[in-house]
Amino acid sequence: MGMFDGLARFAAARRKARVEHNTQLLLDSLPLEIQKDIGWGSGRRSTVSGTVSLYGWGGPQG
């Protein structure tokens, strides 16, 4: 893997994390009734899915 391959993977992971975060902000801004209708307002605050660990940074070694 070359230097630019790693950089491209990192940029893609950051892009995915940003899109997930923006989606969560949008869903959190909806009225509570709509959140409940779509299964989002169950009293939990979800987190970004761990994109960084998906690419091996900070995740279990293996």
PDB file of N, CA and C in Angstrom:
ATOM      1  N   MET A   1       0.853  -1.176   0.000  1.00  0.00           N
ATOM      2  CA  MET A   1       0.000   0.000   0.000  1.00  0.00           C
ATOM      3  C   MET A   1       0.894   1.232   0.000  1.00  0.00           C
ATOM      4  N   GLY A   2       0.657   2.083  -0.948  1.00  0.00           N
ATOM      5  CA  GLY A   2       1.428   3.307  -1.048  1.00  0.00           C
ATOM      6  C   GLY A   2       0.909   4.381  -0.116  1.00  0.00           C
ATOM      7  N   MET A   3       1.648   5.431  -0.031  1.00  0.00           N
ATOM      8  CA  MET A   3       1.287   6.541   0.838  1.00  0.00           C
ATOM      9  C   MET A   3      -0.064   7.136   0.436  1.00  0.00           C
ATOM     10  N   PHE A   4      -0.295   7.274  -0.837  1.00  0.00           N
ATOM     11  CA  PHE A   4      -1.535   7.903  -1.291  1.00  0.00           C
ATOM     12  C   PHE A   4      -2.743   6.989  -1.100  1.00  0.00           C
ATOM     13  N   ASP A   5      -2.531   5.668  -1.136  1.00  0.00           N
ATOM     14  CA  ASP A   5      -3.628   4.742  -0.856  1.00  0.00           C
ATOM     15  C   ASP A   5      -4.116   4.904   0.583  1.00  0.00           C
ATOM     16  N   GLY A   6      -3.177   4.994   1.491  1.00  0.00           N
ATOM     17  CA  GLY A   6      -3.532   5.195   2.895  1.00  0.00           C
ATOM     18  C   GLY A   6      -4.211   6.526   3.123  1.00  0.00           C
ATOM     19  N   LEU A   7      -3.731   7.545   2.454  1.00  0.00           N
ATOM     20  CA  LEU A   7      -4.340   8.869   2.577  1.00  0.00           C
ATOM     21  C   LEU A   7      -5.759   8.874   2.013  1.00  0.00           C
ATOM     22  N   ALA A   8      -5.956   8.195   0.897  1.00  0.00           N
ATOM     23  CA  ALA A   8      -7.290   8.115   0.296  1.00  0.00           C
ATOM     24  C   ALA A   8      -8.254   7.357   1.211  1.00  0.00           C
ATOM     25  N   ARG A   9      -7.777   6.283   1.837  1.00  0.00           N
ATOM     26  CA  ARG A   9      -8.632   5.539   2.771  1.00  0.00           C
ATOM     27  C   ARG A   9      -9.002   6.390   3.967  1.00  0.00           C
ATOM     28  N   PHE A  10      -8.026   7.141   4.484  1.00  0.00           N
ATOM     29  CA  PHE A  10      -8.289   8.017   5.611  1.00  0.00           C
ATOM     30  C   PHE A  10      -9.305   9.091   5.239  1.00  0.00           C
ATOM     31  N   ALA A  11      -9.149   9.701   4.070  1.00  0.00           N
ATOM     32  CA  ALA A  11     -10.085  10.735   3.614  1.00  0.00           C
ATOM     33  C   ALA A  11     -11.485  10.155   3.444  1.00  0.00           C
ATOM     34  N   ALA A  12     -11.589   8.945   2.911  1.00  0.00           N
ATOM     35  CA  ALA A  12     -12.900   8.304   2.743  1.00  0.00           C
ATOM     36  C   ALA A  12     -13.544   8.026   4.105  1.00  0.00           C
ATOM     37  N   ALA A  13     -12.747   7.609   5.071  1.00  0.00           N
ATOM     38  CA  ALA A  13     -13.267   7.339   6.414  1.00  0.00           C
ATOM     39  C   ALA A  13     -13.765   8.624   7.066  1.00  0.00           C
ATOM     40  N   ARG A  14     -13.020   9.698   6.893  1.00  0.00           N
ATOM     41  CA  ARG A  14     -13.440  10.992   7.444  1.00  0.00           C
ATOM     42  C   ARG A  14     -14.725  11.480   6.789  1.00  0.00           C
ATOM     43  N   ARG A  15     -14.818  11.309   5.474  1.00  0.00           N
ATOM     44  CA  ARG A  15     -16.011  11.715   4.736  1.00  0.00           C
ATOM     45  C   ARG A  15     -17.229  10.939   5.238  1.00  0.00           C
ATOM     46  N   LYS A  16     -17.065   9.633   5.407  1.00  0.00           N
ATOM     47  CA  LYS A  16     -18.168   8.787   5.888  1.00  0.00           C
ATOM     48  C   LYS A  16     -18.596   9.208   7.295  1.00  0.00           C
ATOM     49  N   ALA A  17     -17.633   9.468   8.161  1.00  0.00           N
ATOM     50  CA  ALA A  17     -17.944   9.883   9.525  1.00  0.00           C
ATOM     51  C   ALA A  17     -18.683  11.213   9.534  1.00  0.00           C
ATOM     52  N   ARG A  18     -18.266  12.139   8.664  1.00  0.00           N
ATOM     53  CA  ARG A  18     -18.926  13.449   8.597  1.00  0.00           C
ATOM     54  C   ARG A  18     -20.369  13.305   8.120  1.00  0.00           C
ATOM     55  N   VAL A  19     -20.592  12.464   7.103  1.00  0.00           N
ATOM     56  CA  VAL A  19     -21.947  12.255   6.595  1.00  0.00           C
ATOM     57  C   VAL A  19     -22.826  11.623   7.676  1.00  0.00           C
ATOM     58  N   GLU A  20     -22.292  10.632   8.399  1.00  0.00           N
ATOM     59  CA  GLU A  20     -23.055  10.002   9.476  1.00  0.00           C
ATOM     60  C   GLU A  20     -23.395  11.010  10.572  1.00  0.00           C
ATOM     61  N   HIS A  21     -22.442  11.843  10.925  1.00  0.00           N
ATOM     62  CA  HIS A  21     -22.667  12.846  11.966  1.00  0.00           C
ATOM     63  C   HIS A  21     -23.741  13.838  11.530  1.00  0.00           C
ATOM     64  N   ASN A  22     -23.665  14.312  10.294  1.00  0.00           N
ATOM     65  CA  ASN A  22     -24.664  15.253   9.799  1.00  0.00           C
ATOM     66  C   ASN A  22     -26.052  14.615   9.750  1.00  0.00           C
ATOM     67  N   THR A  23     -26.120  13.336   9.407  1.00  0.00           N
ATOM     68  CA  THR A  23     -27.399  12.630   9.391  1.00  0.00           C
ATOM     69  C   THR A  23     -27.969  12.543  10.803  1.00  0.00           C
ATOM     70  N   GLN A  24     -27.119  12.243  11.768  1.00  0.00           N
ATOM     71  CA  GLN A  24     -27.575  12.177  13.154  1.00  0.00           C
ATOM     72  C   GLN A  24     -28.085  13.533  13.630  1.00  0.00           C
ATOM     73  N   LEU A  25     -27.386  14.598  13.269  1.00  0.00           N
ATOM     74  CA  LEU A  25     -27.851  15.934  13.646  1.00  0.00           C
ATOM     75  C   LEU A  25     -29.216  16.231  13.045  1.00  0.00           C
ATOM     76  N   LEU A  26     -29.401  15.845  11.790  1.00  0.00           N
ATOM     77  CA  LEU A  26     -30.682  16.065  11.125  1.00  0.00           C
ATOM     78  C   LEU A  26     -31.794  15.283  11.818  1.00  0.00           C
ATOM     79  N   LEU A  27     -31.551  14.006  12.097  1.00  0.00           N
ATOM     80  CA  LEU A  27     -32.565  13.190  12.758  1.00  0.00           C
ATOM     81  C   LEU A  27     -32.860  13.687  14.167  1.00  0.00           C
ATOM     82  N   ASP A  28     -31.843  14.136  14.875  1.00  0.00           N
ATOM     83  CA  ASP A  28     -32.043  14.673  16.227  1.00  0.00           C
ATOM     84  C   ASP A  28     -32.839  15.973  16.212  1.00  0.00           C
ATOM     85  N   SER A  29     -32.810  16.690  15.093  1.00  0.00           N
ATOM     86  CA  SER A  29     -33.531  17.966  15.026  1.00  0.00           C
ATOM     87  C   SER A  29     -35.015  17.788  14.684  1.00  0.00           C
ATOM     88  N   LEU A  30     -35.402  16.578  14.298  1.00  0.00           N
ATOM     89  CA  LEU A  30     -36.809  16.324  13.977  1.00  0.00           C
ATOM     90  C   LEU A  30     -37.645  16.346  15.255  1.00  0.00           C
ATOM     91  N   PRO A  31     -38.929  16.665  15.129  1.00  0.00           N
ATOM     92  CA  PRO A  31     -39.813  16.606  16.296  1.00  0.00           C
ATOM     93  C   PRO A  31     -39.832  15.189  16.885  1.00  0.00           C
ATOM     94  N   LEU A  32     -40.034  15.110  18.194  1.00  0.00           N
ATOM     95  CA  LEU A  32     -39.988  13.837  18.903  1.00  0.00           C
ATOM     96  C   LEU A  32     -40.975  12.819  18.327  1.00  0.00           C
ATOM     97  N   GLU A  33     -42.155  13.282  17.917  1.00  0.00           N
ATOM     98  CA  GLU A  33     -43.158  12.364  17.366  1.00  0.00           C
ATOM     99  C   GLU A  33     -42.640  11.672  16.095  1.00  0.00           C
ATOM    100  N   ILE A  34     -41.990  12.442  15.248  1.00  0.00           N
ATOM    101  CA  ILE A  34     -41.444  11.875  14.006  1.00  0.00           C
ATOM    102  C   ILE A  34     -40.281  10.950  14.326  1.00  0.00           C
ATOM    103  N   GLN A  35     -39.432  11.339  15.276  1.00  0.00           N
ATOM    104  CA  GLN A  35     -38.327  10.466  15.674  1.00  0.00           C
ATOM    105  C   GLN A  35     -38.849   9.114  16.144  1.00  0.00           C
ATOM    106  N   LYS A  36     -39.919   9.132  16.920  1.00  0.00           N
ATOM    107  CA  LYS A  36     -40.490   7.875  17.408  1.00  0.00           C
ATOM    108  C   LYS A  36     -41.077   7.065  16.263  1.00  0.00           C
ATOM    109  N   ASP A  37     -41.718   7.730  15.305  1.00  0.00           N
ATOM    110  CA  ASP A  37     -42.308   7.033  14.160  1.00  0.00           C
ATOM    111  C   ASP A  37     -41.258   6.290  13.342  1.00  0.00           C
ATOM    112  N   ILE A  38     -40.076   6.864  13.230  1.00  0.00           N
ATOM    113  CA  ILE A  38     -39.038   6.223  12.418  1.00  0.00           C
ATOM    114  C   ILE A  38     -38.085   5.380  13.257  1.00  0.00           C
ATOM    115  N   GLY A  39     -38.346   5.295  14.568  1.00  0.00           N
ATOM    116  CA  GLY A  39     -37.512   4.473  15.429  1.00  0.00           C
ATOM    117  C   GLY A  39     -36.241   5.137  15.893  1.00  0.00           C
ATOM    118  N   TRP A  40     -36.186   6.441  15.825  1.00  0.00           N
ATOM    119  CA  TRP A  40     -34.970   7.152  16.221  1.00  0.00           C
ATOM    120  C   TRP A  40     -35.064   7.687  17.635  1.00  0.00           C
ATOM    121  N   GLY A  41     -36.202   8.112  18.074  1.00  0.00           N
ATOM    122  CA  GLY A  41     -36.342   8.787  19.364  1.00  0.00           C
ATOM    123  C   GLY A  41     -36.580   7.860  20.525  1.00  0.00           C
ATOM    124  N   SER A  42     -35.826   6.791  20.631  1.00  0.00           N
ATOM    125  CA  SER A  42     -36.044   5.830  21.703  1.00  0.00           C
ATOM    126  C   SER A  42     -35.270   6.175  22.965  1.00  0.00           C
ATOM    127  N   GLY A  43     -34.871   7.420  23.109  1.00  0.00           N
ATOM    128  CA  GLY A  43     -34.165   7.847  24.294  1.00  0.00           C
ATOM    129  C   GLY A  43     -32.667   7.599  24.230  1.00  0.00           C
ATOM    130  N   ARG A  44     -32.190   7.066  23.158  1.00  0.00           N
ATOM    131  CA  ARG A  44     -30.756   6.808  23.034  1.00  0.00           C
ATOM    132  C   ARG A  44     -30.141   7.855  22.119  1.00  0.00           C
ATOM    133  N   ARG A  45     -28.906   8.070  22.302  1.00  0.00           N
ATOM    134  CA  ARG A  45     -28.156   8.913  21.390  1.00  0.00           C
ATOM    135  C   ARG A  45     -27.115   8.007  20.758  1.00  0.00           C
ATOM    136  N   SER A  46     -27.298   7.713  19.498  1.00  0.00           N
ATOM    137  CA  SER A  46     -26.362   6.820  18.833  1.00  0.00           C
ATOM    138  C   SER A  46     -25.073   7.569  18.514  1.00  0.00           C
ATOM    139  N   THR A  47     -24.032   6.807  18.275  1.00  0.00           N
ATOM    140  CA  THR A  47     -22.744   7.398  17.955  1.00  0.00           C
ATOM    141  C   THR A  47     -22.349   7.001  16.551  1.00  0.00           C
ATOM    142  N   VAL A  48     -21.381   7.685  16.032  1.00  0.00           N
ATOM    143  CA  VAL A  48     -20.852   7.330  14.720  1.00  0.00           C
ATOM    144  C   VAL A  48     -20.350   5.898  14.806  1.00  0.00           C
ATOM    145  N   SER A  49     -20.537   5.145  13.761  1.00  0.00           N
ATOM    146  CA  SER A  49     -20.382   3.695  13.807  1.00  0.00           C
ATOM    147  C   SER A  49     -18.963   3.185  13.994  1.00  0.00           C
ATOM    148  N   GLY A  50     -18.015   4.024  14.179  1.00  0.00           N
ATOM    149  CA  GLY A  50     -16.656   3.552  14.376  1.00  0.00           C
ATOM    150  C   GLY A  50     -15.896   3.393  13.073  1.00  0.00           C
ATOM    151  N   THR A  51     -16.067   4.349  12.187  1.00  0.00           N
ATOM    152  CA  THR A  51     -15.403   4.284  10.891  1.00  0.00           C
ATOM    153  C   THR A  51     -13.896   4.164  11.042  1.00  0.00           C
ATOM    154  N   VAL A  52     -13.343   4.843  12.024  1.00  0.00           N
ATOM    155  CA  VAL A  52     -11.896   4.817  12.206  1.00  0.00           C
ATOM    156  C   VAL A  52     -11.438   3.408  12.517  1.00  0.00           C
ATOM    157  N   SER A  53     -12.147   2.702  13.409  1.00  0.00           N
ATOM    158  CA  SER A  53     -11.731   1.339  13.735  1.00  0.00           C
ATOM    159  C   SER A  53     -11.967   0.397  12.557  1.00  0.00           C
ATOM    160  N   LEU A  54     -12.871   0.743  11.662  1.00  0.00           N
ATOM    161  CA  LEU A  54     -13.112  -0.065  10.475  1.00  0.00           C
ATOM    162  C   LEU A  54     -11.843  -0.182   9.639  1.00  0.00           C
ATOM    163  N   TYR A  55     -11.054   0.866   9.621  1.00  0.00           N
ATOM    164  CA  TYR A  55      -9.843   0.866   8.820  1.00  0.00           C
ATOM    165  C   TYR A  55      -8.604   0.504   9.636  1.00  0.00           C
ATOM    166  N   GLY A  56      -8.783   0.029  10.849  1.00  0.00           N
ATOM    167  CA  GLY A  56      -7.672  -0.469  11.631  1.00  0.00           C
ATOM    168  C   GLY A  56      -6.994   0.545  12.521  1.00  0.00           C
ATOM    169  N   TRP A  57      -7.505   1.750  12.628  1.00  0.00           N
ATOM    170  CA  TRP A  57      -6.909   2.746  13.503  1.00  0.00           C
ATOM    171  C   TRP A  57      -7.656   2.748  14.811  1.00  0.00           C
ATOM    172  N   GLY A  58      -7.014   2.301  15.844  1.00  0.00           N
ATOM    173  CA  GLY A  58      -7.623   2.332  17.161  1.00  0.00           C
ATOM    174  C   GLY A  58      -8.474   1.123  17.469  1.00  0.00           C
ATOM    175  N   GLY A  59      -8.610   0.214  16.564  1.00  0.00           N
ATOM    176  CA  GLY A  59      -9.396  -0.982  16.796  1.00  0.00           C
ATOM    177  C   GLY A  59      -8.511  -2.127  17.254  1.00  0.00           C
ATOM    178  N   PRO A  60      -9.119  -3.274  17.490  1.00  0.00           N
ATOM    179  CA  PRO A  60      -8.325  -4.434  17.904  1.00  0.00           C
ATOM    180  C   PRO A  60      -7.349  -4.855  16.823  1.00  0.00           C
ATOM    181  N   GLN A  61      -6.191  -5.261  17.235  1.00  0.00           N
ATOM    182  CA  GLN A  61      -5.161  -5.693  16.297  1.00  0.00           C
ATOM    183  C   GLN A  61      -5.402  -7.160  15.937  1.00  0.00           C
ATOM    184  N   GLY A  62      -5.246  -7.475  14.679  1.00  0.00           N
ATOM    185  CA  GLY A  62      -5.488  -8.870  14.334  1.00  0.00           C
ATOM    186  C   GLY A  62      -5.083  -9.197  13.015  1.00  0.00           C
TER     187      GLY A  62
END
